Amino acid sequence: METIFYILAKSVQVFLDFISLAMMIRWLLPIFADVEENQLFIVSVATTEPIIAPVRLLLDKFGIGQDTPFDIGFMATYMLIMLVDLFLPII
């Protein structure tokens, strides 16, 4: 049974690492390149938006971050992913 939990935890950890990498690409690529037709940027947006959108909706529902120039939903999602990734081996 422990082996199954270990495999499941590692699979989730690999998925979270992939999502955090896609989020970093989504955040950094517009600084260095034109992203309108960049396939890497399009894939990173398509990969991360289903994960970021619920957090944005939740923050909008409570009125958090509406008057800021930063995407609070993006930052909150990234922090949640990092927290889950950090505490996953402990569970």
PDB file of N, CA and C in Angstrom:
ATOM      1  N   MET A   1       0.817  -1.196   0.000  1.00  0.00           N
ATOM      2  CA  MET A   1       0.000   0.000   0.000  1.00  0.00           C
ATOM      3  C   MET A   1       0.868   1.270   0.000  1.00  0.00           C
ATOM      4  N   GLU A   2       1.975   1.229   0.712  1.00  0.00           N
ATOM      5  CA  GLU A   2       2.874   2.381   0.735  1.00  0.00           C
ATOM      6  C   GLU A   2       3.452   2.659  -0.647  1.00  0.00           C
ATOM      7  N   THR A   3       3.705   1.606  -1.393  1.00  0.00           N
ATOM      8  CA  THR A   3       4.249   1.768  -2.740  1.00  0.00           C
ATOM      9  C   THR A   3       3.262   2.510  -3.636  1.00  0.00           C
ATOM     10  N   ILE A   4       1.992   2.198  -3.490  1.00  0.00           N
ATOM     11  CA  ILE A   4       0.969   2.867  -4.298  1.00  0.00           C
ATOM     12  C   ILE A   4       0.907   4.352  -3.951  1.00  0.00           C
ATOM     13  N   PHE A   5       0.954   4.666  -2.649  1.00  0.00           N
ATOM     14  CA  PHE A   5       0.943   6.071  -2.240  1.00  0.00           C
ATOM     15  C   PHE A   5       2.192   6.803  -2.712  1.00  0.00           C
ATOM     16  N   TYR A   6       3.316   6.124  -2.682  1.00  0.00           N
ATOM     17  CA  TYR A   6       4.563   6.732  -3.148  1.00  0.00           C
ATOM     18  C   TYR A   6       4.490   7.039  -4.640  1.00  0.00           C
ATOM     19  N   ILE A   7       4.001   6.084  -5.423  1.00  0.00           N
ATOM     20  CA  ILE A   7       3.872   6.286  -6.870  1.00  0.00           C
ATOM     21  C   ILE A   7       2.875   7.400  -7.167  1.00  0.00           C
ATOM     22  N   LEU A   8       1.768   7.430  -6.442  1.00  0.00           N
ATOM     23  CA  LEU A   8       0.772   8.476  -6.626  1.00  0.00           C
ATOM     24  C   LEU A   8       1.347   9.844  -6.265  1.00  0.00           C
ATOM     25  N   ALA A   9       2.068   9.918  -5.143  1.00  0.00           N
ATOM     26  CA  ALA A   9       2.661  11.188  -4.721  1.00  0.00           C
ATOM     27  C   ALA A   9       3.699  11.670  -5.727  1.00  0.00           C
ATOM     28  N   LYS A  10       4.523  10.776  -6.234  1.00  0.00           N
ATOM     29  CA  LYS A  10       5.527  11.163  -7.229  1.00  0.00           C
ATOM     30  C   LYS A  10       4.874  11.589  -8.539  1.00  0.00           C
ATOM     31  N   SER A  11       3.788  10.936  -8.922  1.00  0.00           N
ATOM     32  CA  SER A  11       3.081  11.320 -10.143  1.00  0.00           C
ATOM     33  C   SER A  11       2.493  12.719 -10.007  1.00  0.00           C
ATOM     34  N   VAL A  12       1.894  13.008  -8.874  1.00  0.00           N
ATOM     35  CA  VAL A  12       1.343  14.342  -8.633  1.00  0.00           C
ATOM     36  C   VAL A  12       2.472  15.369  -8.601  1.00  0.00           C
ATOM     37  N   GLN A  13       3.593  14.997  -8.007  1.00  0.00           N
ATOM     38  CA  GLN A  13       4.730  15.908  -7.928  1.00  0.00           C
ATOM     39  C   GLN A  13       5.280  16.232  -9.327  1.00  0.00           C
ATOM     40  N   VAL A  14       5.366  15.247 -10.192  1.00  0.00           N
ATOM     41  CA  VAL A  14       5.826  15.482 -11.571  1.00  0.00           C
ATOM     42  C   VAL A  14       4.833  16.375 -12.309  1.00  0.00           C
ATOM     43  N   PHE A  15       3.537  16.143 -12.119  1.00  0.00           N
ATOM     44  CA  PHE A  15       2.518  16.985 -12.740  1.00  0.00           C
ATOM     45  C   PHE A  15       2.629  18.431 -12.254  1.00  0.00           C
ATOM     46  N   LEU A  16       2.803  18.623 -10.955  1.00  0.00           N
ATOM     47  CA  LEU A  16       2.929  19.970 -10.402  1.00  0.00           C
ATOM     48  C   LEU A  16       4.208  20.655 -10.884  1.00  0.00           C
ATOM     49  N   ASP A  17       5.281  19.900 -11.026  1.00  0.00           N
ATOM     50  CA  ASP A  17       6.517  20.474 -11.568  1.00  0.00           C
ATOM     51  C   ASP A  17       6.325  20.913 -13.015  1.00  0.00           C
ATOM     52  N   PHE A  18       5.602  20.129 -13.792  1.00  0.00           N
ATOM     53  CA  PHE A  18       5.320  20.479 -15.176  1.00  0.00           C
ATOM     54  C   PHE A  18       4.473  21.754 -15.249  1.00  0.00           C
ATOM     55  N   ILE A  19       3.455  21.836 -14.408  1.00  0.00           N
ATOM     56  CA  ILE A  19       2.592  23.016 -14.397  1.00  0.00           C
ATOM     57  C   ILE A  19       3.370  24.250 -13.947  1.00  0.00           C
ATOM     58  N   SER A  20       4.220  24.119 -12.937  1.00  0.00           N
ATOM     59  CA  SER A  20       4.994  25.280 -12.486  1.00  0.00           C
ATOM     60  C   SER A  20       5.989  25.722 -13.563  1.00  0.00           C
ATOM     61  N   LEU A  21       6.557  24.779 -14.314  1.00  0.00           N
ATOM     62  CA  LEU A  21       7.440  25.138 -15.425  1.00  0.00           C
ATOM     63  C   LEU A  21       6.654  25.866 -16.516  1.00  0.00           C
ATOM     64  N   ALA A  22       5.462  25.378 -16.826  1.00  0.00           N
ATOM     65  CA  ALA A  22       4.626  26.045 -17.827  1.00  0.00           C
ATOM     66  C   ALA A  22       4.230  27.446 -17.365  1.00  0.00           C
ATOM     67  N   MET A  23       3.997  27.611 -16.075  1.00  0.00           N
ATOM     68  CA  MET A  23       3.663  28.935 -15.548  1.00  0.00           C
ATOM     69  C   MET A  23       4.858  29.877 -15.636  1.00  0.00           C
ATOM     70  N   MET A  24       6.046  29.376 -15.383  1.00  0.00           N
ATOM     71  CA  MET A  24       7.236  30.219 -15.500  1.00  0.00           C
ATOM     72  C   MET A  24       7.481  30.622 -16.958  1.00  0.00           C
ATOM     73  N   ILE A  25       7.249  29.692 -17.884  1.00  0.00           N
ATOM     74  CA  ILE A  25       7.377  30.018 -19.310  1.00  0.00           C
ATOM     75  C   ILE A  25       6.355  31.085 -19.681  1.00  0.00           C
ATOM     76  N   ARG A  26       5.137  30.924 -19.188  1.00  0.00           N
ATOM     77  CA  ARG A  26       4.081  31.894 -19.463  1.00  0.00           C
ATOM     78  C   ARG A  26       4.424  33.265 -18.897  1.00  0.00           C
ATOM     79  N   TRP A  27       5.099  33.306 -17.778  1.00  0.00           N
ATOM     80  CA  TRP A  27       5.439  34.571 -17.134  1.00  0.00           C
ATOM     81  C   TRP A  27       6.671  35.224 -17.769  1.00  0.00           C
ATOM     82  N   LEU A  28       7.686  34.441 -18.110  1.00  0.00           N
ATOM     83  CA  LEU A  28       8.949  34.998 -18.587  1.00  0.00           C
ATOM     84  C   LEU A  28       9.019  35.221 -20.096  1.00  0.00           C
ATOM     85  N   LEU A  29       8.363  34.411 -20.877  1.00  0.00           N
ATOM     86  CA  LEU A  29       8.498  34.488 -22.330  1.00  0.00           C
ATOM     87  C   LEU A  29       8.082  35.838 -22.923  1.00  0.00           C
ATOM     88  N   PRO A  30       7.018  36.479 -22.438  1.00  0.00           N
ATOM     89  CA  PRO A  30       6.680  37.796 -23.014  1.00  0.00           C
ATOM     90  C   PRO A  30       7.753  38.866 -22.789  1.00  0.00           C
ATOM     91  N   ILE A  31       8.615  38.680 -21.825  1.00  0.00           N
ATOM     92  CA  ILE A  31       9.688  39.640 -21.576  1.00  0.00           C
ATOM     93  C   ILE A  31      10.735  39.561 -22.681  1.00  0.00           C
ATOM     94  N   PHE A  32      11.004  38.369 -23.181  1.00  0.00           N
ATOM     95  CA  PHE A  32      12.113  38.148 -24.100  1.00  0.00           C
ATOM     96  C   PHE A  32      11.717  37.938 -25.556  1.00  0.00           C
ATOM     97  N   ALA A  33      10.450  37.662 -25.837  1.00  0.00           N
ATOM     98  CA  ALA A  33      10.068  37.336 -27.209  1.00  0.00           C
ATOM     99  C   ALA A  33       8.673  37.868 -27.519  1.00  0.00           C
ATOM    100  N   ASP A  34       8.391  37.945 -28.800  1.00  0.00           N
ATOM    101  CA  ASP A  34       7.054  38.299 -29.253  1.00  0.00           C
ATOM    102  C   ASP A  34       6.184  37.051 -29.112  1.00  0.00           C
ATOM    103  N   VAL A  35       5.116  37.147 -28.331  1.00  0.00           N
ATOM    104  CA  VAL A  35       4.361  35.950 -27.984  1.00  0.00           C
ATOM    105  C   VAL A  35       3.085  35.751 -28.801  1.00  0.00           C
ATOM    106  N   GLU A  36       2.796  36.653 -29.716  1.00  0.00           N
ATOM    107  CA  GLU A  36       1.542  36.539 -30.447  1.00  0.00           C
ATOM    108  C   GLU A  36       1.434  35.241 -31.241  1.00  0.00           C
ATOM    109  N   GLU A  37       2.525  34.802 -31.836  1.00  0.00           N
ATOM    110  CA  GLU A  37       2.502  33.560 -32.617  1.00  0.00           C
ATOM    111  C   GLU A  37       3.478  32.519 -32.091  1.00  0.00           C
ATOM    112  N   ASN A  38       3.954  32.701 -30.896  1.00  0.00           N
ATOM    113  CA  ASN A  38       4.904  31.777 -30.296  1.00  0.00           C
ATOM    114  C   ASN A  38       4.159  30.538 -29.791  1.00  0.00           C
ATOM    115  N   GLN A  39       4.475  29.380 -30.363  1.00  0.00           N
ATOM    116  CA  GLN A  39       3.783  28.144 -30.017  1.00  0.00           C
ATOM    117  C   GLN A  39       4.031  27.718 -28.574  1.00  0.00           C
ATOM    118  N   LEU A  40       5.225  27.964 -28.071  1.00  0.00           N
ATOM    119  CA  LEU A  40       5.531  27.604 -26.683  1.00  0.00           C
ATOM    120  C   LEU A  40       4.651  28.393 -25.714  1.00  0.00           C
ATOM    121  N   PHE A  41       4.455  29.674 -25.997  1.00  0.00           N
ATOM    122  CA  PHE A  41       3.596  30.499 -25.158  1.00  0.00           C
ATOM    123  C   PHE A  41       2.147  30.043 -25.248  1.00  0.00           C
ATOM    124  N   ILE A  42       1.689  29.724 -26.447  1.00  0.00           N
ATOM    125  CA  ILE A  42       0.308  29.271 -26.634  1.00  0.00           C
ATOM    126  C   ILE A  42       0.061  27.972 -25.872  1.00  0.00           C
ATOM    127  N   VAL A  43       1.009  27.054 -25.920  1.00  0.00           N
ATOM    128  CA  VAL A  43       0.871  25.789 -25.197  1.00  0.00           C
ATOM    129  C   VAL A  43       0.893  26.029 -23.687  1.00  0.00           C
ATOM    130  N   SER A  44       1.768  26.926 -23.229  1.00  0.00           N
ATOM    131  CA  SER A  44       1.833  27.185 -21.787  1.00  0.00           C
ATOM    132  C   SER A  44       0.550  27.843 -21.284  1.00  0.00           C
ATOM    133  N   VAL A  45      -0.039  28.722 -22.067  1.00  0.00           N
ATOM    134  CA  VAL A  45      -1.311  29.337 -21.669  1.00  0.00           C
ATOM    135  C   VAL A  45      -2.420  28.286 -21.659  1.00  0.00           C
ATOM    136  N   ALA A  46      -2.471  27.455 -22.680  1.00  0.00           N
ATOM    137  CA  ALA A  46      -3.499  26.417 -22.745  1.00  0.00           C
ATOM    138  C   ALA A  46      -3.349  25.400 -21.620  1.00  0.00           C
ATOM    139  N   THR A  47      -2.127  25.174 -21.165  1.00  0.00           N
ATOM    140  CA  THR A  47      -1.879  24.215 -20.096  1.00  0.00           C
ATOM    141  C   THR A  47      -2.213  24.793 -18.728  1.00  0.00           C
ATOM    142  N   THR A  48      -1.893  26.056 -18.517  1.00  0.00           N
ATOM    143  CA  THR A  48      -2.030  26.628 -17.184  1.00  0.00           C
ATOM    144  C   THR A  48      -3.364  27.317 -16.933  1.00  0.00           C
ATOM    145  N   GLU A  49      -4.030  27.781 -17.957  1.00  0.00           N
ATOM    146  CA  GLU A  49      -5.266  28.544 -17.740  1.00  0.00           C
ATOM    147  C   GLU A  49      -6.359  27.746 -17.028  1.00  0.00           C
ATOM    148  N   PRO A  50      -6.555  26.447 -17.312  1.00  0.00           N
ATOM    149  CA  PRO A  50      -7.573  25.698 -16.554  1.00  0.00           C
ATOM    150  C   PRO A  50      -7.256  25.585 -15.060  1.00  0.00           C
ATOM    151  N   ILE A  51      -6.022  25.775 -14.688  1.00  0.00           N
ATOM    152  CA  ILE A  51      -5.641  25.697 -13.278  1.00  0.00           C
ATOM    153  C   ILE A  51      -5.722  27.077 -12.631  1.00  0.00           C
ATOM    154  N   ILE A  52      -5.406  28.118 -13.384  1.00  0.00           N
ATOM    155  CA  ILE A  52      -5.422  29.480 -12.844  1.00  0.00           C
ATOM    156  C   ILE A  52      -6.845  30.029 -12.766  1.00  0.00           C
ATOM    157  N   ALA A  53      -7.692  29.699 -13.706  1.00  0.00           N
ATOM    158  CA  ALA A  53      -9.037  30.285 -13.800  1.00  0.00           C
ATOM    159  C   ALA A  53      -9.883  30.098 -12.534  1.00  0.00           C
ATOM    160  N   PRO A  54      -9.930  28.913 -11.917  1.00  0.00           N
ATOM    161  CA  PRO A  54     -10.733  28.795 -10.692  1.00  0.00           C
ATOM    162  C   PRO A  54     -10.221  29.668  -9.540  1.00  0.00           C
ATOM    163  N   VAL A  55      -8.916  29.829  -9.453  1.00  0.00           N
ATOM    164  CA  VAL A  55      -8.358  30.679  -8.400  1.00  0.00           C
ATOM    165  C   VAL A  55      -8.722  32.132  -8.671  1.00  0.00           C
ATOM    166  N   ARG A  56      -8.643  32.546  -9.926  1.00  0.00           N
ATOM    167  CA  ARG A  56      -9.048  33.913 -10.288  1.00  0.00           C
ATOM    168  C   ARG A  56     -10.518  34.160  -9.956  1.00  0.00           C
ATOM    169  N   LEU A  57     -11.375  33.198 -10.289  1.00  0.00           N
ATOM    170  CA  LEU A  57     -12.797  33.350  -9.995  1.00  0.00           C
ATOM    171  C   LEU A  57     -13.045  33.452  -8.496  1.00  0.00           C
ATOM    172  N   LEU A  58     -12.349  32.653  -7.719  1.00  0.00           N
ATOM    173  CA  LEU A  58     -12.499  32.698  -6.265  1.00  0.00           C
ATOM    174  C   LEU A  58     -12.034  34.037  -5.701  1.00  0.00           C
ATOM    175  N   LEU A  59     -10.912  34.532  -6.188  1.00  0.00           N
ATOM    176  CA  LEU A  59     -10.410  35.823  -5.717  1.00  0.00           C
ATOM    177  C   LEU A  59     -11.337  36.958  -6.154  1.00  0.00           C
ATOM    178  N   ASP A  60     -11.874  36.885  -7.363  1.00  0.00           N
ATOM    179  CA  ASP A  60     -12.818  37.905  -7.829  1.00  0.00           C
ATOM    180  C   ASP A  60     -14.108  37.888  -7.007  1.00  0.00           C
ATOM    181  N   LYS A  61     -14.528  36.704  -6.612  1.00  0.00           N
ATOM    182  CA  LYS A  61     -15.745  36.579  -5.808  1.00  0.00           C
ATOM    183  C   LYS A  61     -15.606  37.301  -4.475  1.00  0.00           C
ATOM    184  N   PHE A  62     -14.410  37.261  -3.897  1.00  0.00           N
ATOM    185  CA  PHE A  62     -14.157  37.932  -2.629  1.00  0.00           C
ATOM    186  C   PHE A  62     -13.606  39.346  -2.814  1.00  0.00           C
ATOM    187  N   GLY A  63     -13.436  39.775  -4.050  1.00  0.00           N
ATOM    188  CA  GLY A  63     -12.968  41.126  -4.323  1.00  0.00           C
ATOM    189  C   GLY A  63     -11.503  41.352  -4.017  1.00  0.00           C
ATOM    190  N   ILE A  64     -10.713  40.314  -4.089  1.00  0.00           N
ATOM    191  CA  ILE A  64      -9.287  40.412  -3.784  1.00  0.00           C
ATOM    192  C   ILE A  64      -8.507  40.679  -5.066  1.00  0.00           C
ATOM    193  N   GLY A  65      -7.683  41.712  -5.041  1.00  0.00           N
ATOM    194  CA  GLY A  65      -6.782  41.991  -6.144  1.00  0.00           C
ATOM    195  C   GLY A  65      -7.401  42.638  -7.361  1.00  0.00           C
ATOM    196  N   GLN A  66      -8.568  43.239  -7.224  1.00  0.00           N
ATOM    197  CA  GLN A  66      -9.215  43.845  -8.384  1.00  0.00           C
ATOM    198  C   GLN A  66      -8.570  45.157  -8.798  1.00  0.00           C
ATOM    199  N   ASP A  67      -7.993  45.872  -7.865  1.00  0.00           N
ATOM    200  CA  ASP A  67      -7.413  47.177  -8.164  1.00  0.00           C
ATOM    201  C   ASP A  67      -5.900  47.143  -8.295  1.00  0.00           C
ATOM    202  N   THR A  68      -5.331  45.979  -8.457  1.00  0.00           N
ATOM    203  CA  THR A  68      -3.876  45.877  -8.564  1.00  0.00           C
ATOM    204  C   THR A  68      -3.465  45.678 -10.018  1.00  0.00           C
ATOM    205  N   PRO A  69      -2.278  46.151 -10.373  1.00  0.00           N
ATOM    206  CA  PRO A  69      -1.806  45.935 -11.752  1.00  0.00           C
ATOM    207  C   PRO A  69      -1.235  44.535 -11.965  1.00  0.00           C
ATOM    208  N   PHE A  70      -1.132  43.750 -10.909  1.00  0.00           N
ATOM    209  CA  PHE A  70      -0.576  42.406 -11.001  1.00  0.00           C
ATOM    210  C   PHE A  70      -1.692  41.375 -11.092  1.00  0.00           C
ATOM    211  N   ASP A  71      -1.373  40.254 -11.683  1.00  0.00           N
ATOM    212  CA  ASP A  71      -2.334  39.156 -11.757  1.00  0.00           C
ATOM    213  C   ASP A  71      -2.225  38.363 -10.457  1.00  0.00           C
ATOM    214  N   ILE A  72      -3.058  38.709  -9.498  1.00  0.00           N
ATOM    215  CA  ILE A  72      -3.030  38.069  -8.186  1.00  0.00           C
ATOM    216  C   ILE A  72      -3.419  36.591  -8.311  1.00  0.00           C
ATOM    217  N   GLY A  73      -4.327  36.276  -9.213  1.00  0.00           N
ATOM    218  CA  GLY A  73      -4.728  34.883  -9.407  1.00  0.00           C
ATOM    219  C   GLY A  73      -3.575  34.010  -9.856  1.00  0.00           C
ATOM    220  N   PHE A  74      -2.735  34.546 -10.740  1.00  0.00           N
ATOM    221  CA  PHE A  74      -1.562  33.814 -11.209  1.00  0.00           C
ATOM    222  C   PHE A  74      -0.600  33.556 -10.051  1.00  0.00           C
ATOM    223  N   MET A  75      -0.324  34.619  -9.284  1.00  0.00           N
ATOM    224  CA  MET A  75       0.613  34.477  -8.165  1.00  0.00           C
ATOM    225  C   MET A  75       0.067  33.540  -7.090  1.00  0.00           C
ATOM    226  N   ALA A  76      -1.223  33.648  -6.785  1.00  0.00           N
ATOM    227  CA  ALA A  76      -1.820  32.780  -5.770  1.00  0.00           C
ATOM    228  C   ALA A  76      -1.798  31.322  -6.226  1.00  0.00           C
ATOM    229  N   THR A  77      -2.079  31.086  -7.496  1.00  0.00           N
ATOM    230  CA  THR A  77      -2.040  29.722  -8.025  1.00  0.00           C
ATOM    231  C   THR A  77      -0.630  29.150  -7.944  1.00  0.00           C
ATOM    232  N   TYR A  78       0.355  29.958  -8.305  1.00  0.00           N
ATOM    233  CA  TYR A  78       1.732  29.480  -8.245  1.00  0.00           C
ATOM    234  C   TYR A  78       2.137  29.152  -6.807  1.00  0.00           C
ATOM    235  N   MET A  79       1.731  29.999  -5.865  1.00  0.00           N
ATOM    236  CA  MET A  79       2.058  29.730  -4.455  1.00  0.00           C
ATOM    237  C   MET A  79       1.352  28.474  -3.956  1.00  0.00           C
ATOM    238  N   LEU A  80       0.094  28.263  -4.370  1.00  0.00           N
ATOM    239  CA  LEU A  80      -0.611  27.041  -3.978  1.00  0.00           C
ATOM    240  C   LEU A  80       0.064  25.795  -4.531  1.00  0.00           C
ATOM    241  N   ILE A  81       0.493  25.873  -5.777  1.00  0.00           N
ATOM    242  CA  ILE A  81       1.196  24.730  -6.381  1.00  0.00           C
ATOM    243  C   ILE A  81       2.486  24.442  -5.629  1.00  0.00           C
ATOM    244  N   MET A  82       3.228  25.487  -5.285  1.00  0.00           N
ATOM    245  CA  MET A  82       4.481  25.295  -4.558  1.00  0.00           C
ATOM    246  C   MET A  82       4.232  24.735  -3.155  1.00  0.00           C
ATOM    247  N   LEU A  83       3.177  25.182  -2.492  1.00  0.00           N
ATOM    248  CA  LEU A  83       2.855  24.649  -1.162  1.00  0.00           C
ATOM    249  C   LEU A  83       2.469  23.169  -1.227  1.00  0.00           C
ATOM    250  N   VAL A  84       1.638  22.824  -2.196  1.00  0.00           N
ATOM    251  CA  VAL A  84       1.256  21.410  -2.343  1.00  0.00           C
ATOM    252  C   VAL A  84       2.483  20.572  -2.676  1.00  0.00           C
ATOM    253  N   ASP A  85       3.339  21.090  -3.552  1.00  0.00           N
ATOM    254  CA  ASP A  85       4.568  20.377  -3.910  1.00  0.00           C
ATOM    255  C   ASP A  85       5.488  20.227  -2.709  1.00  0.00           C
ATOM    256  N   LEU A  86       5.511  21.238  -1.852  1.00  0.00           N
ATOM    257  CA  LEU A  86       6.366  21.193  -0.660  1.00  0.00           C
ATOM    258  C   LEU A  86       5.859  20.186   0.369  1.00  0.00           C
ATOM    259  N   PHE A  87       4.549  20.150   0.592  1.00  0.00           N
ATOM    260  CA  PHE A  87       3.993  19.288   1.627  1.00  0.00           C
ATOM    261  C   PHE A  87       3.632  17.900   1.140  1.00  0.00           C
ATOM    262  N   LEU A  88       3.717  17.637  -0.147  1.00  0.00           N
ATOM    263  CA  LEU A  88       3.346  16.338  -0.691  1.00  0.00           C
ATOM    264  C   LEU A  88       4.180  15.185  -0.119  1.00  0.00           C
ATOM    265  N   PRO A  89       5.502  15.308  -0.003  1.00  0.00           N
ATOM    266  CA  PRO A  89       6.258  14.180   0.547  1.00  0.00           C
ATOM    267  C   PRO A  89       5.943  13.890   2.015  1.00  0.00           C
ATOM    268  N   ILE A  90       5.419  14.883   2.737  1.00  0.00           N
ATOM    269  CA  ILE A  90       5.128  14.691   4.157  1.00  0.00           C
ATOM    270  C   ILE A  90       3.868  13.862   4.347  1.00  0.00           C
ATOM    271  N   ILE A  91       2.904  14.014   3.429  1.00  0.00           N
ATOM    272  CA  ILE A  91       1.620  13.339   3.558  1.00  0.00           C
ATOM    273  C   ILE A  91       1.774  11.844   3.444  1.00  0.00           C
TER     274      ILE A  91
END
